[in-house]
PDB file of N, CA and C in Angstrom:
ATOM      1  N   MET A   1      -2.542  49.804 -14.259  1.00  0.00           N
ATOM      2  CA  MET A   1      -2.895  48.402 -14.295  1.00  0.00           C
ATOM      3  C   MET A   1      -4.235  48.233 -13.567  1.00  0.00           C
ATOM      4  N   ASN A   2      -5.163  47.580 -14.238  1.00  0.00           N
ATOM      5  CA  ASN A   2      -6.488  47.439 -13.631  1.00  0.00           C
ATOM      6  C   ASN A   2      -6.553  46.201 -12.720  1.00  0.00           C
ATOM      7  N   LEU A   3      -7.685  46.023 -12.097  1.00  0.00           N
ATOM      8  CA  LEU A   3      -7.843  44.968 -11.099  1.00  0.00           C
ATOM      9  C   LEU A   3      -7.719  43.571 -11.710  1.00  0.00           C
ATOM     10  N   ALA A   4      -8.287  43.342 -12.875  1.00  0.00           N
ATOM     11  CA  ALA A   4      -8.235  42.021 -13.504  1.00  0.00           C
ATOM     12  C   ALA A   4      -6.801  41.621 -13.840  1.00  0.00           C
ATOM     13  N   THR A   5      -6.022  42.562 -14.336  1.00  0.00           N
ATOM     14  CA  THR A   5      -4.629  42.278 -14.658  1.00  0.00           C
ATOM     15  C   THR A   5      -3.831  41.983 -13.390  1.00  0.00           C
ATOM     16  N   THR A   6      -4.100  42.707 -12.338  1.00  0.00           N
ATOM     17  CA  THR A   6      -3.394  42.476 -11.076  1.00  0.00           C
ATOM     18  C   THR A   6      -3.724  41.102 -10.509  1.00  0.00           C
ATOM     19  N   VAL A   7      -5.000  40.736 -10.535  1.00  0.00           N
ATOM     20  CA  VAL A   7      -5.403  39.424 -10.024  1.00  0.00           C
ATOM     21  C   VAL A   7      -4.792  38.311 -10.871  1.00  0.00           C
ATOM     22  N   ALA A   8      -4.809  38.447 -12.187  1.00  0.00           N
ATOM     23  CA  ALA A   8      -4.222  37.438 -13.069  1.00  0.00           C
ATOM     24  C   ALA A   8      -2.720  37.320 -12.839  1.00  0.00           C
ATOM     25  N   THR A   9      -2.034  38.436 -12.664  1.00  0.00           N
ATOM     26  CA  THR A   9      -0.590  38.413 -12.421  1.00  0.00           C
ATOM     27  C   THR A   9      -0.266  37.724 -11.097  1.00  0.00           C
ATOM     28  N   ILE A  10      -1.021  38.037 -10.068  1.00  0.00           N
ATOM     29  CA  ILE A  10      -0.796  37.403  -8.768  1.00  0.00           C
ATOM     30  C   ILE A  10      -1.083  35.902  -8.847  1.00  0.00           C
ATOM     31  N   ALA A  11      -2.142  35.512  -9.543  1.00  0.00           N
ATOM     32  CA  ALA A  11      -2.489  34.098  -9.668  1.00  0.00           C
ATOM     33  C   ALA A  11      -1.414  33.323 -10.418  1.00  0.00           C
ATOM     34  N   ILE A  12      -0.924  33.894 -11.508  1.00  0.00           N
ATOM     35  CA  ILE A  12       0.125  33.220 -12.289  1.00  0.00           C
ATOM     36  C   ILE A  12       1.423  33.138 -11.487  1.00  0.00           C
ATOM     37  N   ALA A  13       1.790  34.234 -10.823  1.00  0.00           N
ATOM     38  CA  ALA A  13       3.017  34.233 -10.027  1.00  0.00           C
ATOM     39  C   ALA A  13       2.930  33.233  -8.881  1.00  0.00           C
ATOM     40  N   LEU A  14       1.799  33.175  -8.209  1.00  0.00           N
ATOM     41  CA  LEU A  14       1.629  32.230  -7.104  1.00  0.00           C
ATOM     42  C   LEU A  14       1.657  30.789  -7.607  1.00  0.00           C
ATOM     43  N   SER A  15       1.044  30.536  -8.745  1.00  0.00           N
ATOM     44  CA  SER A  15       1.052  29.187  -9.318  1.00  0.00           C
ATOM     45  C   SER A  15       2.467  28.754  -9.687  1.00  0.00           C
ATOM     46  N   LEU A  16       3.200  29.632 -10.313  1.00  0.00           N
ATOM     47  CA  LEU A  16       4.582  29.305 -10.673  1.00  0.00           C
ATOM     48  C   LEU A  16       5.449  29.106  -9.434  1.00  0.00           C
ATOM     49  N   LEU A  17       5.252  29.926  -8.421  1.00  0.00           N
ATOM     50  CA  LEU A  17       6.021  29.787  -7.188  1.00  0.00           C
ATOM     51  C   LEU A  17       5.724  28.451  -6.503  1.00  0.00           C
ATOM     52  N   LEU A  18       4.462  28.083  -6.404  1.00  0.00           N
ATOM     53  CA  LEU A  18       4.102  26.822  -5.774  1.00  0.00           C
ATOM     54  C   LEU A  18       4.568  25.619  -6.589  1.00  0.00           C
ATOM     55  N   ALA A  19       4.506  25.705  -7.910  1.00  0.00           N
ATOM     56  CA  ALA A  19       4.990  24.608  -8.754  1.00  0.00           C
ATOM     57  C   ALA A  19       6.499  24.446  -8.620  1.00  0.00           C
ATOM     58  N   THR A  20       7.219  25.543  -8.517  1.00  0.00           N
ATOM     59  CA  THR A  20       8.671  25.482  -8.351  1.00  0.00           C
ATOM     60  C   THR A  20       9.037  24.909  -6.986  1.00  0.00           C
ATOM     61  N   ILE A  21       8.351  25.321  -5.950  1.00  0.00           N
ATOM     62  CA  ILE A  21       8.633  24.809  -4.601  1.00  0.00           C
ATOM     63  C   ILE A  21       8.298  23.326  -4.501  1.00  0.00           C
ATOM     64  N   SER A  22       7.262  22.878  -5.200  1.00  0.00           N
ATOM     65  CA  SER A  22       6.855  21.477  -5.099  1.00  0.00           C
ATOM     66  C   SER A  22       7.904  20.526  -5.668  1.00  0.00           C
ATOM     67  N   PHE A  23       8.777  21.007  -6.551  1.00  0.00           N
ATOM     68  CA  PHE A  23       9.844  20.151  -7.053  1.00  0.00           C
ATOM     69  C   PHE A  23      10.987  20.024  -6.054  1.00  0.00           C
ATOM     70  N   TRP A  24      11.150  20.981  -5.165  1.00  0.00           N
ATOM     71  CA  TRP A  24      12.232  20.949  -4.195  1.00  0.00           C
ATOM     72  C   TRP A  24      11.839  20.278  -2.885  1.00  0.00           C
ATOM     73  N   LEU A  25      10.575  20.235  -2.564  1.00  0.00           N
ATOM     74  CA  LEU A  25      10.144  19.694  -1.277  1.00  0.00           C
ATOM     75  C   LEU A  25      10.132  18.173  -1.164  1.00  0.00           C
ATOM     76  N   PRO A  26       9.919  17.399  -2.235  1.00  0.00           N
ATOM     77  CA  PRO A  26       9.802  15.946  -2.038  1.00  0.00           C
ATOM     78  C   PRO A  26      11.091  15.348  -1.493  1.00  0.00           C
ATOM     79  N   GLN A  27      10.917  14.223  -0.820  1.00  0.00           N
ATOM     80  CA  GLN A  27      12.048  13.516  -0.266  1.00  0.00           C
ATOM     81  C   GLN A  27      12.863  12.918  -1.410  1.00  0.00           C
ATOM     82  N   LEU A  28      14.164  13.102  -1.357  1.00  0.00           N
ATOM     83  CA  LEU A  28      15.008  12.654  -2.460  1.00  0.00           C
ATOM     84  C   LEU A  28      15.381  11.180  -2.353  1.00  0.00           C
ATOM     85  N   SER A  29      15.269  10.570  -1.194  1.00  0.00           N
ATOM     86  CA  SER A  29      15.607   9.151  -1.049  1.00  0.00           C
ATOM     87  C   SER A  29      14.362   8.376  -0.599  1.00  0.00           C
ATOM     88  N   PRO A  30      13.504   7.988  -1.542  1.00  0.00           N
ATOM     89  CA  PRO A  30      12.279   7.266  -1.160  1.00  0.00           C
ATOM     90  C   PRO A  30      12.613   5.863  -0.660  1.00  0.00           C
ATOM     91  N   ASP A  31      11.774   5.346   0.211  1.00  0.00           N
ATOM     92  CA  ASP A  31      11.986   4.019   0.765  1.00  0.00           C
ATOM     93  C   ASP A  31      11.330   2.949  -0.112  1.00  0.00           C
ATOM     94  N   TYR A  32      11.388   1.705   0.360  1.00  0.00           N
ATOM     95  CA  TYR A  32      10.896   0.573  -0.426  1.00  0.00           C
ATOM     96  C   TYR A  32       9.405   0.669  -0.713  1.00  0.00           C
ATOM     97  N   GLU A  33       8.629   1.128   0.274  1.00  0.00           N
ATOM     98  CA  GLU A  33       7.179   1.202   0.086  1.00  0.00           C
ATOM     99  C   GLU A  33       6.801   2.236  -0.973  1.00  0.00           C
ATOM    100  N   LYS A  34       7.547   3.330  -1.025  1.00  0.00           N
ATOM    101  CA  LYS A  34       7.239   4.352  -2.028  1.00  0.00           C
ATOM    102  C   LYS A  34       7.610   3.894  -3.435  1.00  0.00           C
ATOM    103  N   LEU A  35       8.602   3.022  -3.536  1.00  0.00           N
ATOM    104  CA  LEU A  35       9.015   2.545  -4.850  1.00  0.00           C
ATOM    105  C   LEU A  35       8.145   1.402  -5.360  1.00  0.00           C
ATOM    106  N   SER A  36       7.387   0.760  -4.482  1.00  0.00           N
ATOM    107  CA  SER A  36       6.543  -0.342  -4.923  1.00  0.00           C
ATOM    108  C   SER A  36       5.328   0.208  -5.669  1.00  0.00           C
ATOM    109  N   PRO A  37       4.881  -0.475  -6.714  1.00  0.00           N
ATOM    110  CA  PRO A  37       3.755   0.037  -7.497  1.00  0.00           C
ATOM    111  C   PRO A  37       2.410  -0.109  -6.795  1.00  0.00           C
ATOM    112  N   TYR A  38       2.347  -0.919  -5.726  1.00  0.00           N
ATOM    113  CA  TYR A  38       1.073  -1.156  -5.051  1.00  0.00           C
ATOM    114  C   TYR A  38       1.128  -0.564  -3.646  1.00  0.00           C
ATOM    115  N   GLU A  39       0.233   0.360  -3.371  1.00  0.00           N
ATOM    116  CA  GLU A  39       0.160   0.955  -2.052  1.00  0.00           C
ATOM    117  C   GLU A  39      -1.151   0.595  -1.358  1.00  0.00           C
ATOM    118  N   CYS A  40      -1.858  -0.406  -1.869  1.00  0.00           N
ATOM    119  CA  CYS A  40      -3.177  -0.735  -1.340  1.00  0.00           C
ATOM    120  C   CYS A  40      -3.131  -1.786  -0.241  1.00  0.00           C
ATOM    121  N   GLY A  41      -1.981  -2.394  -0.009  1.00  0.00           N
ATOM    122  CA  GLY A  41      -1.885  -3.387   1.036  1.00  0.00           C
ATOM    123  C   GLY A  41      -1.905  -4.815   0.534  1.00  0.00           C
ATOM    124  N   PHE A  42      -2.214  -5.037  -0.734  1.00  0.00           N
ATOM    125  CA  PHE A  42      -2.205  -6.376  -1.289  1.00  0.00           C
ATOM    126  C   PHE A  42      -0.799  -6.730  -1.743  1.00  0.00           C
ATOM    127  N   ASP A  43      -0.450  -7.983  -1.627  1.00  0.00           N
ATOM    128  CA  ASP A  43       0.858  -8.447  -2.065  1.00  0.00           C
ATOM    129  C   ASP A  43       0.867  -8.490  -3.589  1.00  0.00           C
ATOM    130  N   PRO A  44       1.770  -7.760  -4.261  1.00  0.00           N
ATOM    131  CA  PRO A  44       1.753  -7.733  -5.719  1.00  0.00           C
ATOM    132  C   PRO A  44       2.296  -9.011  -6.352  1.00  0.00           C
ATOM    133  N   VAL A  45       2.933  -9.866  -5.560  1.00  0.00           N
ATOM    134  CA  VAL A  45       3.467 -11.106  -6.097  1.00  0.00           C
ATOM    135  C   VAL A  45       2.413 -12.194  -5.901  1.00  0.00           C
ATOM    136  N   GLY A  46       2.068 -12.863  -6.937  1.00  0.00           N
ATOM    137  CA  GLY A  46       1.066 -13.924  -6.838  1.00  0.00           C
ATOM    138  C   GLY A  46       0.001 -13.752  -7.899  1.00  0.00           C
ATOM    139  N   THR A  47      -1.056 -14.520  -7.769  1.00  0.00           N
ATOM    140  CA  THR A  47      -2.117 -14.490  -8.757  1.00  0.00           C
ATOM    141  C   THR A  47      -3.004 -13.253  -8.587  1.00  0.00           C
ATOM    142  N   ALA A  48      -3.556 -12.815  -9.674  1.00  0.00           N
ATOM    143  CA  ALA A  48      -4.453 -11.665  -9.647  1.00  0.00           C
ATOM    144  C   ALA A  48      -5.896 -12.089  -9.418  1.00  0.00           C
ATOM    145  N   ARG A  49      -6.129 -13.375  -9.256  1.00  0.00           N
ATOM    146  CA  ARG A  49      -7.485 -13.906  -9.103  1.00  0.00           C
ATOM    147  C   ARG A  49      -7.825 -14.230  -7.658  1.00  0.00           C
ATOM    148  N   LEU A  50      -7.287 -13.458  -6.719  1.00  0.00           N
ATOM    149  CA  LEU A  50      -7.613 -13.678  -5.315  1.00  0.00           C
ATOM    150  C   LEU A  50      -9.034 -13.213  -5.047  1.00  0.00           C
ATOM    151  N   PRO A  51      -9.761 -13.895  -4.185  1.00  0.00           N
ATOM    152  CA  PRO A  51     -11.129 -13.453  -3.886  1.00  0.00           C
ATOM    153  C   PRO A  51     -11.114 -12.117  -3.138  1.00  0.00           C
ATOM    154  N   PHE A  52     -11.991 -11.245  -3.534  1.00  0.00           N
ATOM    155  CA  PHE A  52     -12.084  -9.923  -2.930  1.00  0.00           C
ATOM    156  C   PHE A  52     -13.159  -9.946  -1.854  1.00  0.00           C
ATOM    157  N   SER A  53     -12.819  -9.489  -0.679  1.00  0.00           N
ATOM    158  CA  SER A  53     -13.768  -9.516   0.432  1.00  0.00           C
ATOM    159  C   SER A  53     -14.863  -8.478   0.214  1.00  0.00           C
ATOM    160  N   LEU A  54     -16.096  -8.887   0.434  1.00  0.00           N
ATOM    161  CA  LEU A  54     -17.213  -7.978   0.283  1.00  0.00           C
ATOM    162  C   LEU A  54     -17.311  -6.988   1.440  1.00  0.00           C
ATOM    163  N   ARG A  55     -16.530  -7.182   2.496  1.00  0.00           N
ATOM    164  CA  ARG A  55     -16.509  -6.238   3.612  1.00  0.00           C
ATOM    165  C   ARG A  55     -16.008  -4.874   3.153  1.00  0.00           C
ATOM    166  N   PHE A  56     -15.029  -4.873   2.237  1.00  0.00           N
ATOM    167  CA  PHE A  56     -14.541  -3.606   1.699  1.00  0.00           C
ATOM    168  C   PHE A  56     -15.663  -2.874   0.966  1.00  0.00           C
ATOM    169  N   PHE A  57     -16.438  -3.617   0.202  1.00  0.00           N
ATOM    170  CA  PHE A  57     -17.554  -3.042  -0.528  1.00  0.00           C
ATOM    171  C   PHE A  57     -18.595  -2.475   0.430  1.00  0.00           C
ATOM    172  N   LEU A  58     -18.888  -3.193   1.504  1.00  0.00           N
ATOM    173  CA  LEU A  58     -19.866  -2.738   2.488  1.00  0.00           C
ATOM    174  C   LEU A  58     -19.412  -1.444   3.156  1.00  0.00           C
ATOM    175  N   VAL A  59     -18.154  -1.382   3.521  1.00  0.00           N
ATOM    176  CA  VAL A  59     -17.626  -0.161   4.148  1.00  0.00           C
ATOM    177  C   VAL A  59     -17.703   1.005   3.168  1.00  0.00           C
ATOM    178  N   ALA A  60     -17.400   0.760   1.912  1.00  0.00           N
ATOM    179  CA  ALA A  60     -17.469   1.829   0.913  1.00  0.00           C
ATOM    180  C   ALA A  60     -18.901   2.316   0.727  1.00  0.00           C
ATOM    181  N   ILE A  61     -19.854   1.415   0.685  1.00  0.00           N
ATOM    182  CA  ILE A  61     -21.257   1.807   0.525  1.00  0.00           C
ATOM    183  C   ILE A  61     -21.741   2.583   1.744  1.00  0.00           C
ATOM    184  N   LEU A  62     -21.364   2.140   2.942  1.00  0.00           N
ATOM    185  CA  LEU A  62     -21.767   2.862   4.151  1.00  0.00           C
ATOM    186  C   LEU A  62     -21.140   4.255   4.186  1.00  0.00           C
ATOM    187  N   PHE A  63     -19.898   4.353   3.744  1.00  0.00           N
ATOM    188  CA  PHE A  63     -19.262   5.662   3.686  1.00  0.00           C
ATOM    189  C   PHE A  63     -20.013   6.585   2.725  1.00  0.00           C
ATOM    190  N   LEU A  64     -20.358   6.082   1.554  1.00  0.00           N
ATOM    191  CA  LEU A  64     -21.100   6.904   0.590  1.00  0.00           C
ATOM    192  C   LEU A  64     -22.464   7.300   1.133  1.00  0.00           C
ATOM    193  N   LEU A  65     -23.112   6.389   1.831  1.00  0.00           N
ATOM    194  CA  LEU A  65     -24.431   6.682   2.390  1.00  0.00           C
ATOM    195  C   LEU A  65     -24.357   7.829   3.385  1.00  0.00           C
ATOM    196  N   PHE A  66     -23.415   7.771   4.311  1.00  0.00           N
ATOM    197  CA  PHE A  66     -23.325   8.820   5.315  1.00  0.00           C
ATOM    198  C   PHE A  66     -22.691  10.092   4.756  1.00  0.00           C
ATOM    199  N   ASP A  67     -21.937   9.961   3.677  1.00  0.00           N
ATOM    200  CA  ASP A  67     -21.429  11.146   3.004  1.00  0.00           C
ATOM    201  C   ASP A  67     -22.578  11.882   2.316  1.00  0.00           C
ATOM    202  N   LEU A  68     -23.492  11.145   1.722  1.00  0.00           N
ATOM    203  CA  LEU A  68     -24.665  11.770   1.109  1.00  0.00           C
ATOM    204  C   LEU A  68     -25.577  12.387   2.161  1.00  0.00           C
ATOM    205  N   GLU A  69     -25.563  11.811   3.370  1.00  0.00           N
ATOM    206  CA  GLU A  69     -26.337  12.411   4.457  1.00  0.00           C
ATOM    207  C   GLU A  69     -25.850  13.835   4.718  1.00  0.00           C
ATOM    208  N   LEU A  70     -24.558  14.023   4.726  1.00  0.00           N
ATOM    209  CA  LEU A  70     -24.020  15.368   4.932  1.00  0.00           C
ATOM    210  C   LEU A  70     -24.425  16.302   3.803  1.00  0.00           C
ATOM    211  N   ALA A  71     -24.432  15.779   2.577  1.00  0.00           N
ATOM    212  CA  ALA A  71     -24.835  16.616   1.446  1.00  0.00           C
ATOM    213  C   ALA A  71     -26.306  17.002   1.541  1.00  0.00           C
ATOM    214  N   LEU A  72     -27.134  16.104   2.069  1.00  0.00           N
ATOM    215  CA  LEU A  72     -28.550  16.430   2.215  1.00  0.00           C
ATOM    216  C   LEU A  72     -28.803  17.413   3.352  1.00  0.00           C
ATOM    217  N   LEU A  73     -27.980  17.353   4.395  1.00  0.00           N
ATOM    218  CA  LEU A  73     -28.185  18.222   5.547  1.00  0.00           C
ATOM    219  C   LEU A  73     -27.416  19.540   5.451  1.00  0.00           C
ATOM    220  N   LEU A  74     -26.612  19.703   4.421  1.00  0.00           N
ATOM    221  CA  LEU A  74     -25.815  20.931   4.279  1.00  0.00           C
ATOM    222  C   LEU A  74     -26.668  22.192   4.179  1.00  0.00           C
ATOM    223  N   PRO A  75     -27.790  22.203   3.441  1.00  0.00           N
ATOM    224  CA  PRO A  75     -28.593  23.434   3.374  1.00  0.00           C
ATOM    225  C   PRO A  75     -29.459  23.695   4.613  1.00  0.00           C
ATOM    226  N   LEU A  76     -29.322  22.905   5.651  1.00  0.00           N
ATOM    227  CA  LEU A  76     -30.171  23.046   6.828  1.00  0.00           C
ATOM    228  C   LEU A  76     -30.096  24.427   7.482  1.00  0.00           C
ATOM    229  N   PRO A  77     -28.929  25.036   7.672  1.00  0.00           N
ATOM    230  CA  PRO A  77     -28.922  26.377   8.285  1.00  0.00           C
ATOM    231  C   PRO A  77     -29.647  27.426   7.452  1.00  0.00           C
ATOM    232  N   TRP A  78     -29.559  27.313   6.129  1.00  0.00           N
ATOM    233  CA  TRP A  78     -30.270  28.276   5.286  1.00  0.00           C
ATOM    234  C   TRP A  78     -31.774  27.999   5.295  1.00  0.00           C
ATOM    235  N   GLY A  79     -32.138  26.730   5.456  1.00  0.00           N
ATOM    236  CA  GLY A  79     -33.551  26.388   5.503  1.00  0.00           C
ATOM    237  C   GLY A  79     -34.238  26.898   6.753  1.00  0.00           C
ATOM    238  N   ASN A  80     -33.484  27.128   7.811  1.00  0.00           N
ATOM    239  CA  ASN A  80     -34.075  27.671   9.035  1.00  0.00           C
ATOM    240  C   ASN A  80     -34.489  29.129   8.886  1.00  0.00           C
ATOM    241  N   GLN A  81     -34.013  29.785   7.849  1.00  0.00           N
ATOM    242  CA  GLN A  81     -34.377  31.190   7.612  1.00  0.00           C
ATOM    243  C   GLN A  81     -35.679  31.324   6.826  1.00  0.00           C
ATOM    244  N   LEU A  82     -36.278  30.215   6.418  1.00  0.00           N
ATOM    245  CA  LEU A  82     -37.533  30.265   5.668  1.00  0.00           C
ATOM    246  C   LEU A  82     -38.685  30.658   6.588  1.00  0.00           C
ATOM    247  N   THR A  83     -39.843  30.828   6.001  1.00  0.00           N
ATOM    248  CA  THR A  83     -41.003  31.240   6.795  1.00  0.00           C
ATOM    249  C   THR A  83     -41.516  30.111   7.688  1.00  0.00           C
ATOM    250  N   THR A  84     -41.253  28.858   7.294  1.00  0.00           N
ATOM    251  CA  THR A  84     -41.688  27.711   8.105  1.00  0.00           C
ATOM    252  C   THR A  84     -40.471  26.842   8.444  1.00  0.00           C
ATOM    253  N   PRO A  85     -39.705  27.203   9.456  1.00  0.00           N
ATOM    254  CA  PRO A  85     -38.521  26.409   9.790  1.00  0.00           C
ATOM    255  C   PRO A  85     -38.866  25.049  10.380  1.00  0.00           C
ATOM    256  N   PHE A  86     -40.116  24.871  10.823  1.00  0.00           N
ATOM    257  CA  PHE A  86     -40.500  23.570  11.369  1.00  0.00           C
ATOM    258  C   PHE A  86     -40.421  22.476  10.309  1.00  0.00           C
ATOM    259  N   TYR A  87     -40.826  22.793   9.064  1.00  0.00           N
ATOM    260  CA  TYR A  87     -40.760  21.801   7.994  1.00  0.00           C
ATOM    261  C   TYR A  87     -39.316  21.407   7.695  1.00  0.00           C
ATOM    262  N   THR A  88     -38.427  22.373   7.751  1.00  0.00           N
ATOM    263  CA  THR A  88     -37.006  22.078   7.531  1.00  0.00           C
ATOM    264  C   THR A  88     -36.498  21.134   8.605  1.00  0.00           C
ATOM    265  N   PHE A  89     -36.834  21.424   9.849  1.00  0.00           N
ATOM    266  CA  PHE A  89     -36.418  20.562  10.948  1.00  0.00           C
ATOM    267  C   PHE A  89     -37.039  19.177  10.831  1.00  0.00           C
ATOM    268  N   ALA A  90     -38.302  19.112  10.424  1.00  0.00           N
ATOM    269  CA  ALA A  90     -38.983  17.821  10.300  1.00  0.00           C
ATOM    270  C   ALA A  90     -38.331  16.959   9.217  1.00  0.00           C
ATOM    271  N   TRP A  91     -38.002  17.554   8.068  1.00  0.00           N
ATOM    272  CA  TRP A  91     -37.349  16.792   7.002  1.00  0.00           C
ATOM    273  C   TRP A  91     -35.957  16.336   7.414  1.00  0.00           C
ATOM    274  N   ALA A  92     -35.211  17.207   8.093  1.00  0.00           N
ATOM    275  CA  ALA A  92     -33.875  16.825   8.561  1.00  0.00           C
ATOM    276  C   ALA A  92     -33.971  15.703   9.594  1.00  0.00           C
ATOM    277  N   ALA A  93     -34.939  15.786  10.490  1.00  0.00           N
ATOM    278  CA  ALA A  93     -35.117  14.732  11.489  1.00  0.00           C
ATOM    279  C   ALA A  93     -35.541  13.426  10.825  1.00  0.00           C
ATOM    280  N   ALA A  94     -36.367  13.512   9.796  1.00  0.00           N
ATOM    281  CA  ALA A  94     -36.790  12.301   9.084  1.00  0.00           C
ATOM    282  C   ALA A  94     -35.598  11.636   8.395  1.00  0.00           C
ATOM    283  N   ILE A  95     -34.742  12.416   7.766  1.00  0.00           N
ATOM    284  CA  ILE A  95     -33.559  11.863   7.101  1.00  0.00           C
ATOM    285  C   ILE A  95     -32.632  11.215   8.126  1.00  0.00           C
ATOM    286  N   LEU A  96     -32.371  11.924   9.220  1.00  0.00           N
ATOM    287  CA  LEU A  96     -31.499  11.369  10.255  1.00  0.00           C
ATOM    288  C   LEU A  96     -32.106  10.130  10.902  1.00  0.00           C
ATOM    289  N   GLY A  97     -33.412  10.139  11.119  1.00  0.00           N
ATOM    290  CA  GLY A  97     -34.069   8.973  11.707  1.00  0.00           C
ATOM    291  C   GLY A  97     -33.999   7.760  10.791  1.00  0.00           C
ATOM    292  N   LEU A  98     -34.231   7.975   9.497  1.00  0.00           N
ATOM    293  CA  LEU A  98     -34.159   6.875   8.536  1.00  0.00           C
ATOM    294  C   LEU A  98     -32.752   6.302   8.463  1.00  0.00           C
ATOM    295  N   LEU A  99     -31.750   7.162   8.427  1.00  0.00           N
ATOM    296  CA  LEU A  99     -30.375   6.677   8.397  1.00  0.00           C
ATOM    297  C   LEU A  99     -29.986   5.984   9.698  1.00  0.00           C
ATOM    298  N   THR A 100     -30.479   6.470  10.828  1.00  0.00           N
ATOM    299  CA  THR A 100     -30.187   5.821  12.101  1.00  0.00           C
ATOM    300  C   THR A 100     -30.833   4.444  12.167  1.00  0.00           C
ATOM    301  N   LEU A 101     -32.063   4.323  11.698  1.00  0.00           N
ATOM    302  CA  LEU A 101     -32.719   3.012  11.654  1.00  0.00           C
ATOM    303  C   LEU A 101     -31.965   2.044  10.736  1.00  0.00           C
ATOM    304  N   GLY A 102     -31.496   2.536   9.605  1.00  0.00           N
ATOM    305  CA  GLY A 102     -30.711   1.693   8.702  1.00  0.00           C
ATOM    306  C   GLY A 102     -29.406   1.238   9.333  1.00  0.00           C
ATOM    307  N   LEU A 103     -28.750   2.140  10.051  1.00  0.00           N
ATOM    308  CA  LEU A 103     -27.506   1.780  10.726  1.00  0.00           C
ATOM    309  C   LEU A 103     -27.754   0.766  11.829  1.00  0.00           C
ATOM    310  N   ILE A 104     -28.835   0.935  12.592  1.00  0.00           N
ATOM    311  CA  ILE A 104     -29.170  -0.027  13.650  1.00  0.00           C
ATOM    312  C   ILE A 104     -29.483  -1.398  13.042  1.00  0.00           C
ATOM    313  N   TYR A 105     -30.217  -1.415  11.948  1.00  0.00           N
ATOM    314  CA  TYR A 105     -30.527  -2.674  11.274  1.00  0.00           C
ATOM    315  C   TYR A 105     -29.252  -3.368  10.799  1.00  0.00           C
ATOM    316  N   GLU A 106     -28.347  -2.600  10.205  1.00  0.00           N
ATOM    317  CA  GLU A 106     -27.081  -3.163   9.727  1.00  0.00           C
ATOM    318  C   GLU A 106     -26.261  -3.696  10.890  1.00  0.00           C
ATOM    319  N   TRP A 107     -26.282  -3.011  12.004  1.00  0.00           N
ATOM    320  CA  TRP A 107     -25.545  -3.431  13.195  1.00  0.00           C
ATOM    321  C   TRP A 107     -26.122  -4.729  13.763  1.00  0.00           C
ATOM    322  N   ILE A 108     -27.459  -4.812  13.829  1.00  0.00           N
ATOM    323  CA  ILE A 108     -28.111  -6.019  14.361  1.00  0.00           C
ATOM    324  C   ILE A 108     -27.850  -7.217  13.450  1.00  0.00           C
ATOM    325  N   GLN A 109     -27.866  -6.995  12.147  1.00  0.00           N
ATOM    326  CA  GLN A 109     -27.635  -8.088  11.205  1.00  0.00           C
ATOM    327  C   GLN A 109     -26.181  -8.562  11.190  1.00  0.00           C
ATOM    328  N   GLY A 110     -25.285  -7.787  11.824  1.00  0.00           N
ATOM    329  CA  GLY A 110     -23.869  -8.190  11.876  1.00  0.00           C
ATOM    330  C   GLY A 110     -23.064  -7.731  10.683  1.00  0.00           C
ATOM    331  N   GLY A 111     -23.579  -6.790   9.933  1.00  0.00           N
ATOM    332  CA  GLY A 111     -22.870  -6.318   8.749  1.00  0.00           C
ATOM    333  C   GLY A 111     -21.663  -5.454   9.063  1.00  0.00           C
ATOM    334  N   LEU A 112     -21.594  -4.943  10.274  1.00  0.00           N
ATOM    335  CA  LEU A 112     -20.468  -4.104  10.655  1.00  0.00           C
ATOM    336  C   LEU A 112     -19.371  -4.892  11.363  1.00  0.00           C
ATOM    337  N   GLU A 113     -19.581  -6.182  11.582  1.00  0.00           N
ATOM    338  CA  GLU A 113     -18.561  -7.026  12.207  1.00  0.00           C
ATOM    339  C   GLU A 113     -17.515  -7.380  11.156  1.00  0.00           C
ATOM    340  N   TRP A 114     -16.280  -7.042  11.438  1.00  0.00           N
ATOM    341  CA  TRP A 114     -15.232  -7.320  10.444  1.00  0.00           C
ATOM    342  C   TRP A 114     -14.795  -8.774  10.500  1.00  0.00           C
ATOM    343  N   ALA A 115     -14.589  -9.308  11.691  1.00  0.00           N
ATOM    344  CA  ALA A 115     -14.177 -10.696  11.849  1.00  0.00           C
ATOM    345  C   ALA A 115     -15.425 -11.561  12.030  1.00  0.00           C
ATOM    346  N   GLU A 116     -15.434 -12.676  11.341  1.00  0.00           N
ATOM    347  CA  GLU A 116     -16.587 -13.586  11.423  1.00  0.00           C
ATOM    348  C   GLU A 116     -16.349 -14.685  12.415  1.00  0.00           C
TER     349      GLU A 116
END
């Protein structure tokens, strides 16, 4: 048996084992919250035309912004191995400085205050 067949056999066996175990592990007596179709915190009884707070949108945008910051800074350790690591550091500092200024501006404007 060659290496590819062994790896495929192990992968299939492990997948089947994990799929079989996953049917036995769940809790058999779910509570009221698990049986409700809404897990987002909104009351499912009532009108669907409730006003949606823009604070949720702001938090989501800020999360995406700082998540993209991590994606931009991820290659930083490899960039230090280049012939000019100063440029890598300068670009990383510029990105962090710009994001810090944006966060300070948002904080001063009161965009991070949840209660008005």
